[in-house]
N, C-alpha and C. Protein backbone atom coordinates (compact mmCIF):
# COMPACT_ATOMS: atom_id res chain seq x y z
N MET A 1 8.85 3.22 -9.36
CA MET A 1 7.82 2.33 -9.25
C MET A 1 6.98 2.53 -7.98
N SER A 2 5.65 2.77 -8.09
CA SER A 2 4.83 3.09 -7.00
C SER A 2 4.54 1.84 -6.29
N GLU A 3 4.24 1.97 -4.96
CA GLU A 3 4.05 0.67 -4.23
C GLU A 3 2.84 -0.19 -4.68
N ARG A 4 1.82 0.48 -5.27
CA ARG A 4 0.66 -0.23 -5.79
C ARG A 4 1.06 -1.04 -7.00
N SER A 5 1.99 -0.59 -7.88
CA SER A 5 2.28 -1.47 -8.93
C SER A 5 3.16 -2.46 -8.84
N LYS A 6 3.89 -2.74 -7.69
CA LYS A 6 4.74 -3.71 -7.24
C LYS A 6 4.04 -5.10 -6.97
N ASN A 7 4.58 -6.16 -7.27
CA ASN A 7 4.04 -7.49 -6.90
C ASN A 7 4.60 -7.90 -5.54
N TYR A 8 3.57 -8.11 -4.52
CA TYR A 8 4.01 -8.39 -3.28
C TYR A 8 3.40 -9.85 -2.81
N ARG A 9 4.19 -10.64 -2.18
CA ARG A 9 3.77 -11.77 -1.67
C ARG A 9 3.68 -11.31 -0.08
N TRP A 10 2.33 -11.56 0.39
CA TRP A 10 1.94 -11.14 1.78
C TRP A 10 2.21 -12.33 2.81
N HIS A 11 2.96 -12.01 3.92
CA HIS A 11 3.19 -12.90 4.85
C HIS A 11 2.57 -12.64 6.32
N LYS A 12 1.95 -13.46 6.83
CA LYS A 12 1.32 -13.13 8.28
C LYS A 12 2.56 -13.17 9.27
N ILE A 13 2.62 -12.14 10.11
CA ILE A 13 3.73 -12.19 10.94
C ILE A 13 3.16 -11.91 12.41
N ALA A 14 1.90 -11.82 12.68
CA ALA A 14 1.30 -11.75 13.89
C ALA A 14 -0.08 -11.83 13.92
N GLU A 15 -0.81 -12.19 14.93
CA GLU A 15 -2.19 -12.34 14.99
C GLU A 15 -2.84 -10.97 15.27
N SER A 16 -2.03 -10.05 15.76
CA SER A 16 -2.49 -8.71 16.11
C SER A 16 -1.22 -7.70 16.42
N PRO A 17 -1.51 -6.43 16.13
CA PRO A 17 -0.33 -5.56 16.55
C PRO A 17 0.16 -5.78 17.81
N GLU A 18 -0.67 -5.98 18.76
CA GLU A 18 -0.21 -6.12 20.19
C GLU A 18 0.76 -7.10 20.40
N GLU A 19 0.63 -8.21 19.64
CA GLU A 19 1.51 -9.26 19.80
C GLU A 19 2.93 -8.88 19.44
N LEU A 20 2.97 -7.91 18.47
CA LEU A 20 4.38 -7.46 18.22
C LEU A 20 5.14 -6.62 19.04
N GLN A 21 4.30 -6.01 19.93
CA GLN A 21 4.85 -5.03 20.90
C GLN A 21 5.45 -5.56 22.16
N ALA A 22 6.40 -6.28 21.97
CA ALA A 22 7.10 -7.06 23.30
C ALA A 22 7.56 -5.95 24.21
N GLU A 23 7.03 -6.24 25.48
CA GLU A 23 7.38 -5.18 26.58
C GLU A 23 7.27 -3.93 26.22
N GLY A 24 6.09 -3.60 25.35
CA GLY A 24 5.88 -2.15 25.06
C GLY A 24 6.89 -1.44 24.02
N ARG A 25 7.82 -2.08 23.59
CA ARG A 25 8.82 -1.53 22.76
C ARG A 25 8.34 -0.98 21.47
N ALA A 26 8.73 -0.06 20.96
CA ALA A 26 8.45 0.45 19.58
C ALA A 26 8.99 0.01 18.41
N LEU A 27 10.15 -0.97 18.59
CA LEU A 27 10.83 -1.65 17.64
C LEU A 27 11.15 -3.21 18.03
N THR A 28 10.82 -3.96 16.96
CA THR A 28 10.96 -5.40 17.20
C THR A 28 11.53 -6.02 15.90
N GLU A 29 11.84 -7.24 15.98
CA GLU A 29 12.23 -7.94 14.81
C GLU A 29 11.39 -9.12 14.58
N VAL A 30 11.15 -9.47 13.26
CA VAL A 30 10.52 -10.78 12.77
C VAL A 30 11.32 -11.46 11.64
N VAL A 31 11.23 -12.78 11.64
CA VAL A 31 11.90 -13.29 10.42
C VAL A 31 10.74 -13.82 9.50
N VAL A 32 10.94 -13.43 8.28
CA VAL A 32 10.08 -13.54 7.18
C VAL A 32 10.84 -14.34 5.95
N GLN A 33 10.60 -15.49 5.72
CA GLN A 33 11.29 -16.24 4.49
C GLN A 33 12.69 -16.09 4.80
N GLY A 34 13.12 -16.40 5.87
CA GLY A 34 14.61 -16.44 6.20
C GLY A 34 15.18 -15.08 6.39
N LYS A 35 14.51 -14.05 6.31
CA LYS A 35 14.88 -12.65 6.28
C LYS A 35 14.59 -11.84 7.60
N THR A 36 15.50 -11.32 8.31
CA THR A 36 15.10 -10.60 9.44
C THR A 36 14.56 -9.11 9.25
N ILE A 37 13.41 -8.89 9.64
CA ILE A 37 12.93 -7.53 9.31
C ILE A 37 12.73 -6.79 10.70
N CYS A 38 12.82 -5.45 10.66
CA CYS A 38 12.53 -4.71 11.84
C CYS A 38 11.11 -4.16 11.49
N ILE A 39 10.28 -4.27 12.68
CA ILE A 39 8.84 -3.74 12.59
C ILE A 39 8.99 -2.60 13.54
N ALA A 40 8.48 -1.34 13.13
CA ALA A 40 8.42 -0.12 13.91
C ALA A 40 7.00 0.30 14.09
N PHE A 41 6.70 0.68 15.28
CA PHE A 41 5.35 1.25 15.61
C PHE A 41 5.55 2.73 15.84
N ASN A 42 4.93 3.58 14.99
CA ASN A 42 5.07 5.09 14.99
C ASN A 42 3.86 5.69 14.89
N LYS A 43 3.19 6.62 15.70
CA LYS A 43 2.26 7.39 15.40
C LYS A 43 0.82 6.39 15.09
N GLY A 44 0.77 5.25 15.63
CA GLY A 44 -0.24 4.40 15.39
C GLY A 44 -0.22 3.59 14.22
N ASN A 45 0.88 3.69 13.48
CA ASN A 45 1.09 2.62 12.29
C ASN A 45 2.29 1.92 12.36
N LEU A 46 2.23 0.74 11.74
CA LEU A 46 3.18 -0.20 11.67
C LEU A 46 3.97 -0.04 10.33
N HIS A 47 5.44 -0.19 10.42
CA HIS A 47 6.23 0.04 9.40
C HIS A 47 7.32 -1.27 9.38
N GLY A 48 7.63 -1.75 8.05
CA GLY A 48 8.75 -2.60 8.03
C GLY A 48 9.87 -2.13 7.34
N CYS A 49 11.22 -2.49 7.88
CA CYS A 49 12.37 -1.97 7.25
C CYS A 49 13.40 -2.99 7.57
N ALA A 50 14.63 -2.84 6.82
CA ALA A 50 15.63 -3.62 7.00
C ALA A 50 16.03 -3.86 8.34
N ALA A 51 16.66 -4.86 8.87
CA ALA A 51 16.85 -5.01 10.25
C ALA A 51 18.13 -4.43 10.55
N LYS A 52 18.93 -4.26 9.58
CA LYS A 52 20.52 -3.76 9.79
C LYS A 52 20.67 -2.33 9.07
N CYS A 53 21.24 -1.40 9.66
CA CYS A 53 21.42 -0.11 9.10
C CYS A 53 22.50 -0.23 7.92
N PRO A 54 22.15 0.34 6.72
CA PRO A 54 23.11 0.08 5.50
C PRO A 54 24.41 0.77 5.73
N HIS A 55 24.45 1.65 6.69
CA HIS A 55 25.96 2.30 7.10
C HIS A 55 26.86 1.23 7.76
N ALA A 56 26.56 0.67 8.77
CA ALA A 56 27.59 0.03 9.55
C ALA A 56 27.00 -1.25 10.14
N GLY A 57 25.85 -1.58 9.78
CA GLY A 57 25.12 -2.75 10.05
C GLY A 57 24.50 -2.86 11.51
N GLY A 58 24.25 -1.69 12.11
CA GLY A 58 23.65 -1.62 13.40
C GLY A 58 22.18 -2.25 13.52
N HIS A 59 21.80 -2.81 14.42
CA HIS A 59 20.51 -3.51 14.52
C HIS A 59 19.57 -2.43 14.69
N MET A 60 18.75 -2.16 13.83
CA MET A 60 17.72 -0.99 13.94
C MET A 60 16.70 -1.16 15.08
N ALA A 61 16.49 -2.55 15.43
CA ALA A 61 15.41 -2.79 16.50
C ALA A 61 16.11 -2.21 17.71
N ASP A 62 17.36 -2.05 17.95
CA ASP A 62 18.04 -1.46 19.20
C ASP A 62 18.05 0.03 19.24
N GLY A 63 17.56 0.61 18.12
CA GLY A 63 17.50 2.11 18.02
C GLY A 63 16.25 2.58 18.64
N PHE A 64 15.78 3.76 18.01
CA PHE A 64 14.41 4.31 18.56
C PHE A 64 13.86 4.92 17.27
N THR A 65 12.58 5.38 17.55
CA THR A 65 11.97 6.37 16.73
C THR A 65 11.84 7.77 17.08
N ASP A 66 12.05 8.78 16.37
CA ASP A 66 12.01 10.02 16.87
C ASP A 66 10.66 10.78 16.61
N ALA A 67 10.52 12.05 17.09
CA ALA A 67 9.17 12.53 17.02
C ALA A 67 8.67 13.03 15.55
N LEU A 68 9.68 12.94 14.66
CA LEU A 68 9.36 13.18 13.25
C LEU A 68 8.93 12.03 12.38
N GLY A 69 9.00 10.78 13.23
CA GLY A 69 8.72 9.63 12.45
C GLY A 69 9.89 8.92 11.72
N ASN A 70 11.16 9.17 12.32
CA ASN A 70 12.45 8.60 11.62
C ASN A 70 12.64 7.42 12.47
N ILE A 71 13.22 6.29 11.97
CA ILE A 71 13.97 5.31 12.85
C ILE A 71 15.52 5.72 12.78
N VAL A 72 16.10 5.64 14.00
CA VAL A 72 17.29 6.20 14.37
C VAL A 72 18.05 4.88 14.80
N CYS A 73 19.16 4.74 13.86
CA CYS A 73 20.25 3.74 14.14
C CYS A 73 20.96 3.80 15.62
N PRO A 74 21.15 2.79 16.32
CA PRO A 74 21.77 2.94 17.52
C PRO A 74 23.27 3.19 17.41
N LEU A 75 24.01 2.94 16.53
CA LEU A 75 25.44 2.94 16.31
C LEU A 75 25.90 4.44 16.17
N HIS A 76 25.30 5.19 14.99
CA HIS A 76 25.77 6.44 14.73
C HIS A 76 24.60 7.56 14.63
N ARG A 77 23.59 7.10 14.98
CA ARG A 77 22.40 7.87 14.95
C ARG A 77 21.80 8.52 13.67
N TYR A 78 22.18 7.58 12.64
CA TYR A 78 21.71 7.94 11.12
C TYR A 78 20.26 7.68 11.31
N LYS A 79 19.44 8.68 10.52
CA LYS A 79 17.98 8.69 10.58
C LYS A 79 17.44 8.24 9.22
N PHE A 80 16.26 7.54 9.35
CA PHE A 80 15.69 7.26 8.04
C PHE A 80 14.31 7.28 8.21
N GLN A 81 13.52 7.86 7.14
CA GLN A 81 11.96 7.79 7.16
C GLN A 81 11.46 6.34 7.00
N LEU A 82 10.45 6.33 7.99
CA LEU A 82 9.98 4.85 8.08
C LEU A 82 9.04 4.65 6.81
N THR A 83 8.49 5.58 6.13
CA THR A 83 7.63 5.33 4.95
C THR A 83 8.45 5.25 3.73
N THR A 84 9.62 5.82 3.56
CA THR A 84 10.34 5.71 2.37
C THR A 84 11.79 5.24 2.33
N GLY A 85 12.19 5.03 3.68
CA GLY A 85 13.70 4.48 3.78
C GLY A 85 14.72 5.55 3.50
N ARG A 86 14.26 6.85 3.13
CA ARG A 86 15.30 7.87 2.80
C ARG A 86 15.98 8.37 3.98
N ASN A 87 17.32 8.54 3.74
CA ASN A 87 18.06 9.09 4.95
C ASN A 87 17.76 10.53 5.08
N THR A 88 17.54 10.84 6.35
CA THR A 88 17.07 12.27 6.67
C THR A 88 18.12 12.96 7.38
N SER A 89 19.31 12.26 7.70
CA SER A 89 20.40 13.11 8.60
C SER A 89 21.54 13.44 7.49
N GLY A 90 21.28 13.26 6.27
CA GLY A 90 22.24 13.81 5.36
C GLY A 90 23.45 12.84 4.90
N GLU A 91 23.55 11.65 5.06
CA GLU A 91 24.58 10.75 4.74
C GLU A 91 24.26 10.22 3.36
N GLY A 92 23.24 10.11 3.01
CA GLY A 92 22.90 9.60 1.59
C GLY A 92 22.62 8.18 1.58
N TYR A 93 22.50 7.45 2.55
CA TYR A 93 22.03 6.08 2.51
C TYR A 93 20.57 5.90 2.44
N TYR A 94 20.31 4.63 2.07
CA TYR A 94 18.73 4.28 2.05
C TYR A 94 18.54 2.93 2.63
N LEU A 95 17.38 2.99 3.32
CA LEU A 95 17.06 1.70 4.25
C LEU A 95 15.85 1.21 3.49
N LYS A 96 15.99 -0.08 3.15
CA LYS A 96 14.88 -0.90 2.51
C LYS A 96 13.74 -0.92 3.40
N THR A 97 12.59 -0.54 2.90
CA THR A 97 11.23 -0.68 3.42
C THR A 97 10.37 -1.69 3.02
N TYR A 98 9.41 -2.19 3.82
CA TYR A 98 8.47 -3.19 3.55
C TYR A 98 7.06 -2.63 3.90
N PRO A 99 5.95 -2.98 3.00
CA PRO A 99 4.62 -2.56 3.51
C PRO A 99 4.07 -3.52 4.63
N VAL A 100 3.32 -2.89 5.47
CA VAL A 100 2.81 -3.71 6.62
C VAL A 100 1.24 -3.39 6.66
N GLU A 101 0.57 -4.36 6.56
CA GLU A 101 -0.98 -4.24 6.66
C GLU A 101 -1.59 -4.92 7.82
N VAL A 102 -2.58 -4.24 8.45
CA VAL A 102 -3.21 -4.91 9.68
C VAL A 102 -4.62 -5.33 8.96
N ARG A 103 -4.75 -6.56 8.98
CA ARG A 103 -6.10 -6.97 8.43
C ARG A 103 -6.98 -7.72 9.64
N PRO A 104 -8.35 -7.93 9.36
CA PRO A 104 -9.05 -8.64 10.28
C PRO A 104 -8.54 -9.90 10.91
N ASP A 105 -7.78 -10.63 10.21
CA ASP A 105 -7.29 -11.92 10.62
C ASP A 105 -5.75 -11.96 11.00
N GLY A 106 -5.21 -10.69 11.02
CA GLY A 106 -3.73 -10.61 11.55
C GLY A 106 -2.96 -9.47 10.98
N VAL A 107 -1.61 -9.55 11.12
CA VAL A 107 -0.80 -8.46 10.62
C VAL A 107 0.14 -9.15 9.52
N TYR A 108 0.04 -8.47 8.41
CA TYR A 108 0.99 -8.97 7.30
C TYR A 108 1.99 -8.13 6.74
N LEU A 109 3.02 -8.64 6.19
CA LEU A 109 4.31 -7.95 5.74
C LEU A 109 4.34 -8.27 4.28
N GLY A 110 4.57 -7.33 3.41
CA GLY A 110 4.60 -7.58 1.92
C GLY A 110 6.08 -7.61 1.62
N MET A 111 6.47 -8.54 0.85
CA MET A 111 7.75 -8.81 0.28
C MET A 111 7.71 -8.90 -1.29
N GLU A 112 8.48 -7.85 -1.88
CA GLU A 112 8.48 -7.80 -3.19
C GLU A 112 8.91 -9.15 -3.87
N GLU A 113 8.02 -9.55 -4.90
CA GLU A 113 8.42 -10.73 -5.57
C GLU A 113 9.20 -10.41 -6.81
N LYS A 114 10.34 -10.93 -6.91
CA LYS A 114 11.21 -10.75 -8.00
C LYS A 114 11.44 -11.96 -8.88
N GLY A 115 11.42 -11.79 -10.16
CA GLY A 115 11.64 -12.76 -11.04
C GLY A 115 11.08 -12.51 -12.53
N LEU A 116 11.54 -13.36 -13.28
CA LEU A 116 11.17 -13.15 -14.84
C LEU A 116 9.74 -13.22 -15.06
N LEU A 117 9.02 -14.13 -14.37
CA LEU A 117 7.53 -14.34 -14.76
C LEU A 117 6.57 -13.51 -13.98
N ASN A 118 6.98 -12.80 -13.00
CA ASN A 118 6.16 -11.96 -12.24
C ASN A 118 5.13 -11.02 -13.12
N TRP A 119 5.45 -10.66 -14.19
CA TRP A 119 4.69 -9.75 -14.96
C TRP A 119 3.40 -10.60 -15.46
N LEU A 120 3.38 -11.84 -15.39
CA LEU A 120 2.36 -12.72 -15.93
C LEU A 120 1.10 -12.51 -14.91
N ARG A 121 1.26 -12.22 -13.64
CA ARG A 121 0.16 -12.15 -12.72
C ARG A 121 -0.87 -11.18 -12.95
């Protein structure tokens, strides 16, 4: 399913991208609807992904982004594409990703709406 065909509920997570860059860090965490999400700054873009690595639960915000645009888990150095969540270091895991949009009134994170009646929208 393409990103455009999914139904998202958009949540404002900051007034500006700078607000999310605590102490100049490239990775930070936000809580949206009770779920902790990792926000990554890479090559001028914002990306959202699961806060914990699917392999051993390492906090992705404690890792780093590499020159290829991957987020790297701090525990075992597993790498994931920020745009797709695909594992690029060969272990076969997948990291859940979330779309992030910078709008004139703030920064928003999209969370897929799941439910029986979403097709009515």
